[in-house]
Amino acid sequence: MTETIQIFHNPRCSKSRQTLALIEEKGVQPEIILYLENTPDENELKEILSKLGISARELLRKGEQDYKDHNLSDPTLSEQDLIGKMTQFPKLIERPIVIKNDKAVLGRPPENVLGLL
C-alpha cells in the first residue's frame, strides 16, 4: 500500500517551496493542497492540530495583519475561537504542514519533514 504524503502549501512562501523541493528530492510526489484556495474546515483543522500535537495558538502566524486586526493575542480566546478564525482567514495558518498517516510536522525548518519520509 502506498502511503500518501500531503503538504499544505503556499507557493508564494519560500519555506513552503523549500519543503516541497526537499520532499521531491527524496523521490516522493506529495499531494499538494493549496490551503489558501482549499481551506480546511474546522474538523479538518482539529485533526491536523491533533496530528501535529500542538494547540491552535501554536499554529497561528502572529505576524499576519489578520492576527492584529482580530485581536488574536487575546488569551481569553478559546481553541474553538482560534480554529474558527483560521478557517475564516487561512493566511493565519502556519505553513507548510506535511502530513503522513496519523503524523504531521511543520516544515519550519524544512528539514523537519525528513523524519516523516
PDB file of N, CA and C in Angstrom:
ATOM      1  N   MET A   1       0.835  -1.189   0.000  1.00  0.00           N
ATOM      2  CA  MET A   1       0.000   0.000   0.000  1.00  0.00           C
ATOM      3  C   MET A   1       0.878   1.250   0.000  1.00  0.00           C
ATOM      4  N   THR A   2       0.587   2.158  -0.893  1.00  0.00           N
ATOM      5  CA  THR A   2       1.356   3.389  -0.963  1.00  0.00           C
ATOM      6  C   THR A   2       0.829   4.367   0.077  1.00  0.00           C
ATOM      7  N   GLU A   3       1.756   4.996   0.769  1.00  0.00           N
ATOM      8  CA  GLU A   3       1.355   5.984   1.760  1.00  0.00           C
ATOM      9  C   GLU A   3       1.342   7.352   1.089  1.00  0.00           C
ATOM     10  N   THR A   4       0.302   8.076   1.359  1.00  0.00           N
ATOM     11  CA  THR A   4       0.186   9.413   0.785  1.00  0.00           C
ATOM     12  C   THR A   4       0.799  10.424   1.733  1.00  0.00           C
ATOM     13  N   ILE A   5       1.566  11.313   1.154  1.00  0.00           N
ATOM     14  CA  ILE A   5       2.085  12.442   1.909  1.00  0.00           C
ATOM     15  C   ILE A   5       1.400  13.676   1.347  1.00  0.00           C
ATOM     16  N   GLN A   6       0.867  14.481   2.236  1.00  0.00           N
ATOM     17  CA  GLN A   6       0.197  15.721   1.833  1.00  0.00           C
ATOM     18  C   GLN A   6       1.017  16.894   2.339  1.00  0.00           C
ATOM     19  N   ILE A   7       1.022  17.955   1.549  1.00  0.00           N
ATOM     20  CA  ILE A   7       1.636  19.196   2.009  1.00  0.00           C
ATOM     21  C   ILE A   7       0.629  20.323   1.835  1.00  0.00           C
ATOM     22  N   PHE A   8       0.375  21.030   2.932  1.00  0.00           N
ATOM     23  CA  PHE A   8      -0.449  22.230   2.875  1.00  0.00           C
ATOM     24  C   PHE A   8       0.520  23.338   2.482  1.00  0.00           C
ATOM     25  N   HIS A   9       0.393  23.787   1.229  1.00  0.00           N
ATOM     26  CA  HIS A   9       1.427  24.539   0.545  1.00  0.00           C
ATOM     27  C   HIS A   9       0.941  25.914   0.125  1.00  0.00           C
ATOM     28  N   ASN A  10       1.838  26.883   0.240  1.00  0.00           N
ATOM     29  CA  ASN A  10       1.625  28.213  -0.320  1.00  0.00           C
ATOM     30  C   ASN A  10       2.818  28.480  -1.223  1.00  0.00           C
ATOM     31  N   PRO A  11       2.617  28.446  -2.558  1.00  0.00           N
ATOM     32  CA  PRO A  11       3.736  28.616  -3.491  1.00  0.00           C
ATOM     33  C   PRO A  11       4.476  29.942  -3.334  1.00  0.00           C
ATOM     34  N   ARG A  12       3.845  30.921  -2.695  1.00  0.00           N
ATOM     35  CA  ARG A  12       4.499  32.224  -2.513  1.00  0.00           C
ATOM     36  C   ARG A  12       5.423  32.249  -1.296  1.00  0.00           C
ATOM     37  N   CYS A  13       5.415  31.192  -0.501  1.00  0.00           N
ATOM     38  CA  CYS A  13       6.210  31.129   0.727  1.00  0.00           C
ATOM     39  C   CYS A  13       7.504  30.362   0.463  1.00  0.00           C
ATOM     40  N   SER A  14       8.645  30.979   0.761  1.00  0.00           N
ATOM     41  CA  SER A  14       9.933  30.328   0.485  1.00  0.00           C
ATOM     42  C   SER A  14      10.105  29.044   1.298  1.00  0.00           C
ATOM     43  N   LYS A  15       9.683  29.033   2.557  1.00  0.00           N
ATOM     44  CA  LYS A  15       9.816  27.819   3.383  1.00  0.00           C
ATOM     45  C   LYS A  15       8.960  26.697   2.809  1.00  0.00           C
ATOM     46  N   SER A  16       7.784  27.047   2.324  1.00  0.00           N
ATOM     47  CA  SER A  16       6.891  26.059   1.738  1.00  0.00           C
ATOM     48  C   SER A  16       7.517  25.481   0.462  1.00  0.00           C
ATOM     49  N   ARG A  17       8.088  26.344  -0.375  1.00  0.00           N
ATOM     50  CA  ARG A  17       8.745  25.876  -1.602  1.00  0.00           C
ATOM     51  C   ARG A  17       9.950  24.997  -1.275  1.00  0.00           C
ATOM     52  N   GLN A  18      10.741  25.399  -0.278  1.00  0.00           N
ATOM     53  CA  GLN A  18      11.920  24.612   0.108  1.00  0.00           C
ATOM     54  C   GLN A  18      11.509  23.241   0.638  1.00  0.00           C
ATOM     55  N   THR A  19      10.450  23.207   1.424  1.00  0.00           N
ATOM     56  CA  THR A  19       9.973  21.946   1.985  1.00  0.00           C
ATOM     57  C   THR A  19       9.484  21.023   0.877  1.00  0.00           C
ATOM     58  N   LEU A  20       8.714  21.560  -0.062  1.00  0.00           N
ATOM     59  CA  LEU A  20       8.228  20.763  -1.183  1.00  0.00           C
ATOM     60  C   LEU A  20       9.405  20.218  -1.992  1.00  0.00           C
ATOM     61  N   ALA A  21      10.405  21.052  -2.256  1.00  0.00           N
ATOM     62  CA  ALA A  21      11.585  20.612  -3.023  1.00  0.00           C
ATOM     63  C   ALA A  21      12.311  19.487  -2.287  1.00  0.00           C
ATOM     64  N   LEU A  22      12.425  19.596  -0.975  1.00  0.00           N
ATOM     65  CA  LEU A  22      13.103  18.575  -0.176  1.00  0.00           C
ATOM     66  C   LEU A  22      12.356  17.237  -0.255  1.00  0.00           C
ATOM     67  N   ILE A  23      11.037  17.288  -0.181  1.00  0.00           N
ATOM     68  CA  ILE A  23      10.227  16.066  -0.293  1.00  0.00           C
ATOM     69  C   ILE A  23      10.429  15.433  -1.672  1.00  0.00           C
ATOM     70  N   GLU A  24      10.379  16.261  -2.710  1.00  0.00           N
ATOM     71  CA  GLU A  24      10.526  15.745  -4.074  1.00  0.00           C
ATOM     72  C   GLU A  24      11.929  15.202  -4.327  1.00  0.00           C
ATOM     73  N   GLU A  25      12.957  15.828  -3.705  1.00  0.00           N
ATOM     74  CA  GLU A  25      14.336  15.324  -3.829  1.00  0.00           C
ATOM     75  C   GLU A  25      14.455  13.904  -3.286  1.00  0.00           C
ATOM     76  N   LYS A  26      13.606  13.564  -2.327  1.00  0.00           N
ATOM     77  CA  LYS A  26      13.633  12.228  -1.727  1.00  0.00           C
ATOM     78  C   LYS A  26      12.812  11.234  -2.555  1.00  0.00           C
ATOM     79  N   GLY A  27      12.368  11.676  -3.743  1.00  0.00           N
ATOM     80  CA  GLY A  27      11.641  10.778  -4.630  1.00  0.00           C
ATOM     81  C   GLY A  27      10.170  10.605  -4.281  1.00  0.00           C
ATOM     82  N   VAL A  28       9.650  11.492  -3.440  1.00  0.00           N
ATOM     83  CA  VAL A  28       8.253  11.409  -3.027  1.00  0.00           C
ATOM     84  C   VAL A  28       7.473  12.487  -3.769  1.00  0.00           C
ATOM     85  N   GLN A  29       6.343  12.099  -4.348  1.00  0.00           N
ATOM     86  CA  GLN A  29       5.463  13.079  -5.001  1.00  0.00           C
ATOM     87  C   GLN A  29       4.257  13.294  -4.086  1.00  0.00           C
ATOM     88  N   PRO A  30       4.278  14.356  -3.292  1.00  0.00           N
ATOM     89  CA  PRO A  30       3.180  14.562  -2.345  1.00  0.00           C
ATOM     90  C   PRO A  30       1.917  15.077  -3.021  1.00  0.00           C
ATOM     91  N   GLU A  31       0.816  14.902  -2.316  1.00  0.00           N
ATOM     92  CA  GLU A  31      -0.429  15.550  -2.718  1.00  0.00           C
ATOM     93  C   GLU A  31      -0.323  16.992  -2.226  1.00  0.00           C
ATOM     94  N   ILE A  32      -0.395  17.932  -3.158  1.00  0.00           N
ATOM     95  CA  ILE A  32      -0.223  19.346  -2.813  1.00  0.00           C
ATOM     96  C   ILE A  32      -1.601  19.963  -2.589  1.00  0.00           C
ATOM     97  N   ILE A  33      -1.778  20.510  -1.396  1.00  0.00           N
ATOM     98  CA  ILE A  33      -3.039  21.166  -1.050  1.00  0.00           C
ATOM     99  C   ILE A  33      -2.752  22.663  -0.939  1.00  0.00           C
ATOM    100  N   LEU A  34      -3.319  23.424  -1.855  1.00  0.00           N
ATOM    101  CA  LEU A  34      -3.169  24.878  -1.829  1.00  0.00           C
ATOM    102  C   LEU A  34      -4.205  25.415  -0.840  1.00  0.00           C
ATOM    103  N   TYR A  35      -3.787  25.456   0.428  1.00  0.00           N
ATOM    104  CA  TYR A  35      -4.750  25.683   1.508  1.00  0.00           C
ATOM    105  C   TYR A  35      -5.363  27.081   1.502  1.00  0.00           C
ATOM    106  N   LEU A  36      -4.745  28.024   0.804  1.00  0.00           N
ATOM    107  CA  LEU A  36      -5.368  29.353   0.735  1.00  0.00           C
ATOM    108  C   LEU A  36      -6.592  29.311  -0.177  1.00  0.00           C
ATOM    109  N   GLU A  37      -6.601  28.357  -1.122  1.00  0.00           N
ATOM    110  CA  GLU A  37      -7.746  28.191  -2.023  1.00  0.00           C
ATOM    111  C   GLU A  37      -8.695  27.105  -1.522  1.00  0.00           C
ATOM    112  N   ASN A  38      -8.138  26.037  -0.959  1.00  0.00           N
ATOM    113  CA  ASN A  38      -8.922  24.908  -0.429  1.00  0.00           C
ATOM    114  C   ASN A  38      -8.702  24.839   1.073  1.00  0.00           C
ATOM    115  N   THR A  39      -9.288  25.786   1.761  1.00  0.00           N
ATOM    116  CA  THR A  39      -9.071  25.921   3.203  1.00  0.00           C
ATOM    117  C   THR A  39      -9.689  24.749   3.956  1.00  0.00           C
ATOM    118  N   PRO A  40      -8.914  24.163   4.885  1.00  0.00           N
ATOM    119  CA  PRO A  40      -9.507  23.092   5.690  1.00  0.00           C
ATOM    120  C   PRO A  40     -10.650  23.643   6.537  1.00  0.00           C
ATOM    121  N   ASP A  41     -11.692  22.817   6.731  1.00  0.00           N
ATOM    122  CA  ASP A  41     -12.777  23.250   7.610  1.00  0.00           C
ATOM    123  C   ASP A  41     -12.358  23.025   9.065  1.00  0.00           C
ATOM    124  N   GLU A  42     -13.243  23.360   9.989  1.00  0.00           N
ATOM    125  CA  GLU A  42     -12.882  23.285  11.413  1.00  0.00           C
ATOM    126  C   GLU A  42     -12.514  21.863  11.831  1.00  0.00           C
ATOM    127  N   ASN A  43     -13.260  20.868  11.364  1.00  0.00           N
ATOM    128  CA  ASN A  43     -12.942  19.484  11.734  1.00  0.00           C
ATOM    129  C   ASN A  43     -11.598  19.049  11.176  1.00  0.00           C
ATOM    130  N   GLU A  44     -11.318  19.406   9.928  1.00  0.00           N
ATOM    131  CA  GLU A  44     -10.020  19.066   9.332  1.00  0.00           C
ATOM    132  C   GLU A  44      -8.889  19.743  10.096  1.00  0.00           C
ATOM    133  N   LEU A  45      -9.098  20.985  10.479  1.00  0.00           N
ATOM    134  CA  LEU A  45      -8.069  21.722  11.207  1.00  0.00           C
ATOM    135  C   LEU A  45      -7.828  21.094  12.584  1.00  0.00           C
ATOM    136  N   LYS A  46      -8.892  20.662  13.247  1.00  0.00           N
ATOM    137  CA  LYS A  46      -8.728  19.977  14.544  1.00  0.00           C
ATOM    138  C   LYS A  46      -7.915  18.697  14.370  1.00  0.00           C
ATOM    139  N   GLU A  47      -8.208  17.966  13.286  1.00  0.00           N
ATOM    140  CA  GLU A  47      -7.479  16.725  13.018  1.00  0.00           C
ATOM    141  C   GLU A  47      -5.996  17.015  12.750  1.00  0.00           C
ATOM    142  N   ILE A  48      -5.719  18.066  11.988  1.00  0.00           N
ATOM    143  CA  ILE A  48      -4.328  18.452  11.695  1.00  0.00           C
ATOM    144  C   ILE A  48      -3.613  18.837  12.986  1.00  0.00           C
ATOM    145  N   LEU A  49      -4.275  19.629  13.829  1.00  0.00           N
ATOM    146  CA  LEU A  49      -3.669  20.027  15.106  1.00  0.00           C
ATOM    147  C   LEU A  49      -3.356  18.806  15.960  1.00  0.00           C
ATOM    148  N   SER A  50      -4.258  17.836  15.957  1.00  0.00           N
ATOM    149  CA  SER A  50      -4.045  16.604  16.707  1.00  0.00           C
ATOM    150  C   SER A  50      -2.818  15.857  16.176  1.00  0.00           C
ATOM    151  N   LYS A  51      -2.685  15.777  14.862  1.00  0.00           N
ATOM    152  CA  LYS A  51      -1.537  15.090  14.250  1.00  0.00           C
ATOM    153  C   LYS A  51      -0.235  15.833  14.522  1.00  0.00           C
ATOM    154  N   LEU A  52      -0.323  17.173  14.576  1.00  0.00           N
ATOM    155  CA  LEU A  52       0.864  17.980  14.885  1.00  0.00           C
ATOM    156  C   LEU A  52       1.211  17.920  16.372  1.00  0.00           C
ATOM    157  N   GLY A  53       0.190  17.677  17.193  1.00  0.00           N
ATOM    158  CA  GLY A  53       0.401  17.659  18.640  1.00  0.00           C
ATOM    159  C   GLY A  53       0.604  19.047  19.223  1.00  0.00           C
ATOM    160  N   ILE A  54      -0.034  20.035  18.611  1.00  0.00           N
ATOM    161  CA  ILE A  54       0.085  21.412  19.109  1.00  0.00           C
ATOM    162  C   ILE A  54      -1.297  22.034  19.240  1.00  0.00           C
ATOM    163  N   SER A  55      -1.340  23.196  19.903  1.00  0.00           N
ATOM    164  CA  SER A  55      -2.604  23.919  20.069  1.00  0.00           C
ATOM    165  C   SER A  55      -2.830  24.838  18.866  1.00  0.00           C
ATOM    166  N   ALA A  56      -4.063  25.303  18.746  1.00  0.00           N
ATOM    167  CA  ALA A  56      -4.396  26.235  17.666  1.00  0.00           C
ATOM    168  C   ALA A  56      -3.526  27.486  17.764  1.00  0.00           C
ATOM    169  N   ARG A  57      -3.308  27.973  18.975  1.00  0.00           N
ATOM    170  CA  ARG A  57      -2.491  29.189  19.156  1.00  0.00           C
ATOM    171  C   ARG A  57      -1.084  28.987  18.601  1.00  0.00           C
ATOM    172  N   GLU A  58      -0.541  27.763  18.750  1.00  0.00           N
ATOM    173  CA  GLU A  58       0.807  27.484  18.264  1.00  0.00           C
ATOM    174  C   GLU A  58       0.877  27.423  16.736  1.00  0.00           C
ATOM    175  N   LEU A  59      -0.266  27.258  16.079  1.00  0.00           N
ATOM    176  CA  LEU A  59      -0.308  27.182  14.617  1.00  0.00           C
ATOM    177  C   LEU A  59      -0.572  28.546  13.976  1.00  0.00           C
ATOM    178  N   LEU A  60      -0.842  29.556  14.796  1.00  0.00           N
ATOM    179  CA  LEU A  60      -1.147  30.889  14.273  1.00  0.00           C
ATOM    180  C   LEU A  60       0.114  31.602  13.804  1.00  0.00           C
ATOM    181  N   ARG A  61      -0.012  32.273  12.658  1.00  0.00           N
ATOM    182  CA  ARG A  61       1.050  33.163  12.176  1.00  0.00           C
ATOM    183  C   ARG A  61       0.805  34.526  12.834  1.00  0.00           C
ATOM    184  N   LYS A  62       1.616  34.817  13.827  1.00  0.00           N
ATOM    185  CA  LYS A  62       1.375  36.003  14.645  1.00  0.00           C
ATOM    186  C   LYS A  62       1.767  37.307  13.957  1.00  0.00           C
ATOM    187  N   GLY A  63       2.497  37.227  12.853  1.00  0.00           N
ATOM    188  CA  GLY A  63       2.899  38.439  12.136  1.00  0.00           C
ATOM    189  C   GLY A  63       1.878  38.914  11.113  1.00  0.00           C
ATOM    190  N   GLU A  64       0.844  38.131  10.888  1.00  0.00           N
ATOM    191  CA  GLU A  64      -0.161  38.491   9.872  1.00  0.00           C
ATOM    192  C   GLU A  64      -1.047  39.647  10.355  1.00  0.00           C
ATOM    193  N   GLN A  65      -1.461  40.477   9.411  1.00  0.00           N
ATOM    194  CA  GLN A  65      -2.342  41.606   9.735  1.00  0.00           C
ATOM    195  C   GLN A  65      -3.658  41.124  10.344  1.00  0.00           C
ATOM    196  N   ASP A  66      -4.191  39.994   9.827  1.00  0.00           N
ATOM    197  CA  ASP A  66      -5.440  39.451  10.373  1.00  0.00           C
ATOM    198  C   ASP A  66      -5.303  39.110  11.856  1.00  0.00           C
ATOM    199  N   TYR A  67      -4.109  38.692  12.276  1.00  0.00           N
ATOM    200  CA  TYR A  67      -3.859  38.369  13.687  1.00  0.00           C
ATOM    201  C   TYR A  67      -4.075  39.624  14.536  1.00  0.00           C
ATOM    202  N   LYS A  68      -3.509  40.733  14.056  1.00  0.00           N
ATOM    203  CA  LYS A  68      -3.631  42.000  14.786  1.00  0.00           C
ATOM    204  C   LYS A  68      -5.066  42.537  14.695  1.00  0.00           C
ATOM    205  N   ASP A  69      -5.628  42.501  13.471  1.00  0.00           N
ATOM    206  CA  ASP A  69      -6.963  43.062  13.246  1.00  0.00           C
ATOM    207  C   ASP A  69      -8.035  42.388  14.100  1.00  0.00           C
ATOM    208  N   HIS A  70      -7.878  41.111  14.380  1.00  0.00           N
ATOM    209  CA  HIS A  70      -8.898  40.355  15.114  1.00  0.00           C
ATOM    210  C   HIS A  70      -8.497  40.070  16.564  1.00  0.00           C
ATOM    211  N   ASN A  71      -7.443  40.794  17.024  1.00  0.00           N
ATOM    212  CA  ASN A  71      -7.011  40.713  18.423  1.00  0.00           C
ATOM    213  C   ASN A  71      -6.811  39.258  18.875  1.00  0.00           C
ATOM    214  N   LEU A  72      -6.125  38.476  18.040  1.00  0.00           N
ATOM    215  CA  LEU A  72      -5.961  37.051  18.350  1.00  0.00           C
ATOM    216  C   LEU A  72      -4.916  36.787  19.433  1.00  0.00           C
ATOM    217  N   SER A  73      -4.249  37.835  19.892  1.00  0.00           N
ATOM    218  CA  SER A  73      -3.334  37.651  21.023  1.00  0.00           C
ATOM    219  C   SER A  73      -4.094  37.577  22.342  1.00  0.00           C
ATOM    220  N   ASP A  74      -5.391  37.856  22.301  1.00  0.00           N
ATOM    221  CA  ASP A  74      -6.238  37.822  23.499  1.00  0.00           C
ATOM    222  C   ASP A  74      -6.210  36.417  24.114  1.00  0.00           C
ATOM    223  N   PRO A  75      -5.668  36.285  25.334  1.00  0.00           N
ATOM    224  CA  PRO A  75      -5.529  34.952  25.945  1.00  0.00           C
ATOM    225  C   PRO A  75      -6.862  34.309  26.332  1.00  0.00           C
ATOM    226  N   THR A  76      -7.946  35.093  26.320  1.00  0.00           N
ATOM    227  CA  THR A  76      -9.241  34.504  26.690  1.00  0.00           C
ATOM    228  C   THR A  76      -9.913  33.787  25.507  1.00  0.00           C
ATOM    229  N   LEU A  77      -9.359  33.940  24.307  1.00  0.00           N
ATOM    230  CA  LEU A  77      -9.945  33.261  23.148  1.00  0.00           C
ATOM    231  C   LEU A  77      -9.738  31.749  23.288  1.00  0.00           C
ATOM    232  N   SER A  78     -10.788  31.011  22.993  1.00  0.00           N
ATOM    233  CA  SER A  78     -10.720  29.547  23.125  1.00  0.00           C
ATOM    234  C   SER A  78     -10.067  28.924  21.900  1.00  0.00           C
ATOM    235  N   GLU A  79      -9.726  27.669  22.028  1.00  0.00           N
ATOM    236  CA  GLU A  79      -9.200  26.880  20.914  1.00  0.00           C
ATOM    237  C   GLU A  79     -10.191  26.956  19.738  1.00  0.00           C
ATOM    238  N   GLN A  80     -11.463  26.813  20.042  1.00  0.00           N
ATOM    239  CA  GLN A  80     -12.506  26.858  19.013  1.00  0.00           C
ATOM    240  C   GLN A  80     -12.548  28.224  18.323  1.00  0.00           C
ATOM    241  N   ASP A  81     -12.400  29.304  19.102  1.00  0.00           N
ATOM    242  CA  ASP A  81     -12.373  30.654  18.521  1.00  0.00           C
ATOM    243  C   ASP A  81     -11.225  30.782  17.524  1.00  0.00           C
ATOM    244  N   LEU A  82     -10.053  30.302  17.924  1.00  0.00           N
ATOM    245  CA  LEU A  82      -8.863  30.431  17.076  1.00  0.00           C
ATOM    246  C   LEU A  82      -8.982  29.573  15.815  1.00  0.00           C
ATOM    247  N   ILE A  83      -9.501  28.368  15.959  1.00  0.00           N
ATOM    248  CA  ILE A  83      -9.709  27.490  14.803  1.00  0.00           C
ATOM    249  C   ILE A  83     -10.692  28.148  13.833  1.00  0.00           C
ATOM    250  N   GLY A  84     -11.744  28.738  14.364  1.00  0.00           N
ATOM    251  CA  GLY A  84     -12.720  29.441  13.530  1.00  0.00           C
ATOM    252  C   GLY A  84     -12.081  30.568  12.730  1.00  0.00           C
ATOM    253  N   LYS A  85     -11.216  31.336  13.375  1.00  0.00           N
ATOM    254  CA  LYS A  85     -10.532  32.441  12.683  1.00  0.00           C
ATOM    255  C   LYS A  85      -9.597  31.907  11.600  1.00  0.00           C
ATOM    256  N   MET A  86      -8.932  30.767  11.859  1.00  0.00           N
ATOM    257  CA  MET A  86      -8.022  30.210  10.853  1.00  0.00           C
ATOM    258  C   MET A  86      -8.783  29.711   9.629  1.00  0.00           C
ATOM    259  N   THR A  87      -9.994  29.196   9.829  1.00  0.00           N
ATOM    260  CA  THR A  87     -10.770  28.756   8.664  1.00  0.00           C
ATOM    261  C   THR A  87     -11.309  29.965   7.905  1.00  0.00           C
ATOM    262  N   GLN A  88     -11.575  31.032   8.632  1.00  0.00           N
ATOM    263  CA  GLN A  88     -12.082  32.262   8.010  1.00  0.00           C
ATOM    264  C   GLN A  88     -10.956  33.021   7.295  1.00  0.00           C
ATOM    265  N   PHE A  89      -9.764  33.000   7.881  1.00  0.00           N
ATOM    266  CA  PHE A  89      -8.602  33.725   7.352  1.00  0.00           C
ATOM    267  C   PHE A  89      -7.418  32.747   7.260  1.00  0.00           C
ATOM    268  N   PRO A  90      -7.372  31.925   6.201  1.00  0.00           N
ATOM    269  CA  PRO A  90      -6.365  30.856   6.133  1.00  0.00           C
ATOM    270  C   PRO A  90      -4.917  31.344   6.116  1.00  0.00           C
ATOM    271  N   LYS A  91      -4.700  32.637   5.827  1.00  0.00           N
ATOM    272  CA  LYS A  91      -3.325  33.147   5.884  1.00  0.00           C
ATOM    273  C   LYS A  91      -2.759  33.033   7.294  1.00  0.00           C
ATOM    274  N   LEU A  92      -3.644  32.902   8.286  1.00  0.00           N
ATOM    275  CA  LEU A  92      -3.208  32.779   9.680  1.00  0.00           C
ATOM    276  C   LEU A  92      -2.581  31.422   9.986  1.00  0.00           C
ATOM    277  N   ILE A  93      -2.784  30.431   9.105  1.00  0.00           N
ATOM    278  CA  ILE A  93      -2.278  29.079   9.362  1.00  0.00           C
ATOM    279  C   ILE A  93      -0.795  29.016   9.016  1.00  0.00           C
ATOM    280  N   GLU A  94       0.008  28.623   9.996  1.00  0.00           N
ATOM    281  CA  GLU A  94       1.452  28.461   9.767  1.00  0.00           C
ATOM    282  C   GLU A  94       1.659  27.415   8.696  1.00  0.00           C
ATOM    283  N   ARG A  95       2.668  27.596   7.889  1.00  0.00           N
ATOM    284  CA  ARG A  95       2.915  26.698   6.772  1.00  0.00           C
ATOM    285  C   ARG A  95       4.384  26.406   6.637  1.00  0.00           C
ATOM    286  N   PRO A  96       4.742  25.420   5.897  1.00  0.00           N
ATOM    287  CA  PRO A  96       3.905  24.360   5.351  1.00  0.00           C
ATOM    288  C   PRO A  96       3.651  23.272   6.398  1.00  0.00           C
ATOM    289  N   ILE A  97       2.542  22.590   6.248  1.00  0.00           N
ATOM    290  CA  ILE A  97       2.226  21.445   7.096  1.00  0.00           C
ATOM    291  C   ILE A  97       2.339  20.210   6.209  1.00  0.00           C
ATOM    292  N   VAL A  98       3.099  19.235   6.672  1.00  0.00           N
ATOM    293  CA  VAL A  98       3.258  17.991   5.925  1.00  0.00           C
ATOM    294  C   VAL A  98       2.651  16.866   6.752  1.00  0.00           C
ATOM    295  N   ILE A  99       1.776  16.079   6.113  1.00  0.00           N
ATOM    296  CA  ILE A  99       1.033  15.027   6.809  1.00  0.00           C
ATOM    297  C   ILE A  99       1.303  13.685   6.154  1.00  0.00           C
ATOM    298  N   LYS A 100       1.548  12.703   6.997  1.00  0.00           N
ATOM    299  CA  LYS A 100       1.669  11.314   6.544  1.00  0.00           C
ATOM    300  C   LYS A 100       0.943  10.459   7.569  1.00  0.00           C
ATOM    301  N   ASN A 101      -0.134   9.816   7.130  1.00  0.00           N
ATOM    302  CA  ASN A 101      -0.949   8.973   8.013  1.00  0.00           C
ATOM    303  C   ASN A 101      -1.423   9.765   9.223  1.00  0.00           C
ATOM    304  N   ASP A 102      -1.040   9.331  10.430  1.00  0.00           N
ATOM    305  CA  ASP A 102      -1.533  10.000  11.636  1.00  0.00           C
ATOM    306  C   ASP A 102      -0.496  10.937  12.249  1.00  0.00           C
ATOM    307  N   LYS A 103       0.514  11.311  11.458  1.00  0.00           N
ATOM    308  CA  LYS A 103       1.545  12.228  11.950  1.00  0.00           C
ATOM    309  C   LYS A 103       1.644  13.429  11.019  1.00  0.00           C
ATOM    310  N   ALA A 104       2.034  14.551  11.594  1.00  0.00           N
ATOM    311  CA  ALA A 104       2.236  15.755  10.806  1.00  0.00           C
ATOM    312  C   ALA A 104       3.373  16.568  11.422  1.00  0.00           C
ATOM    313  N   VAL A 105       4.036  17.340  10.584  1.00  0.00           N
ATOM    314  CA  VAL A 105       5.087  18.247  11.053  1.00  0.00           C
ATOM    315  C   VAL A 105       4.958  19.569  10.301  1.00  0.00           C
ATOM    316  N   LEU A 106       5.474  20.613  10.927  1.00  0.00           N
ATOM    317  CA  LEU A 106       5.601  21.907  10.264  1.00  0.00           C
ATOM    318  C   LEU A 106       6.958  21.932   9.575  1.00  0.00           C
ATOM    319  N   GLY A 107       6.986  22.390   8.345  1.00  0.00           N
ATOM    320  CA  GLY A 107       8.247  22.484   7.610  1.00  0.00           C
ATOM    321  C   GLY A 107       9.004  23.753   7.939  1.00  0.00           C
ATOM    322  N   ARG A 108       9.184  24.014   9.198  1.00  0.00           N
ATOM    323  CA  ARG A 108       9.964  25.164   9.680  1.00  0.00           C
ATOM    324  C   ARG A 108      10.900  24.681  10.768  1.00  0.00           C
ATOM    325  N   PRO A 109      12.137  24.382  10.449  1.00  0.00           N
ATOM    326  CA  PRO A 109      12.773  24.459   9.142  1.00  0.00           C
ATOM    327  C   PRO A 109      12.341  23.292   8.250  1.00  0.00           C
ATOM    328  N   PRO A 110      12.596  23.402   6.933  1.00  0.00           N
ATOM    329  CA  PRO A 110      12.176  22.350   6.007  1.00  0.00           C
ATOM    330  C   PRO A 110      12.670  20.955   6.391  1.00  0.00           C
ATOM    331  N   GLU A 111      13.832  20.877   7.025  1.00  0.00           N
ATOM    332  CA  GLU A 111      14.392  19.577   7.407  1.00  0.00           C
ATOM    333  C   GLU A 111      13.512  18.807   8.385  1.00  0.00           C
ATOM    334  N   ASN A 112      12.576  19.494   9.026  1.00  0.00           N
ATOM    335  CA  ASN A 112      11.651  18.817   9.942  1.00  0.00           C
ATOM    336  C   ASN A 112      10.910  17.667   9.262  1.00  0.00           C
ATOM    337  N   VAL A 113      10.699  17.768   7.943  1.00  0.00           N
ATOM    338  CA  VAL A 113       9.905  16.750   7.238  1.00  0.00           C
ATOM    339  C   VAL A 113      10.670  15.451   7.036  1.00  0.00           C
ATOM    340  N   LEU A 114      11.985  15.478   7.167  1.00  0.00           N
ATOM    341  CA  LEU A 114      12.780  14.279   6.891  1.00  0.00           C
ATOM    342  C   LEU A 114      12.379  13.114   7.777  1.00  0.00           C
ATOM    343  N   GLY A 115      11.953  13.393   9.007  1.00  0.00           N
ATOM    344  CA  GLY A 115      11.524  12.343   9.913  1.00  0.00           C
ATOM    345  C   GLY A 115      10.257  11.629   9.452  1.00  0.00           C
ATOM    346  N   LEU A 116       9.475  12.265   8.600  1.00  0.00           N
ATOM    347  CA  LEU A 116       8.238  11.671   8.102  1.00  0.00           C
ATOM    348  C   LEU A 116       8.455  10.798   6.866  1.00  0.00           C
ATOM    349  N   LEU A 117       9.498  11.105   6.109  1.00  0.00           N
ATOM    350  CA  LEU A 117       9.687  10.453   4.802  1.00  0.00           C
ATOM    351  C   LEU A 117      10.224   9.050   4.928  1.00  0.00           C
TER     352      LEU A 117
END
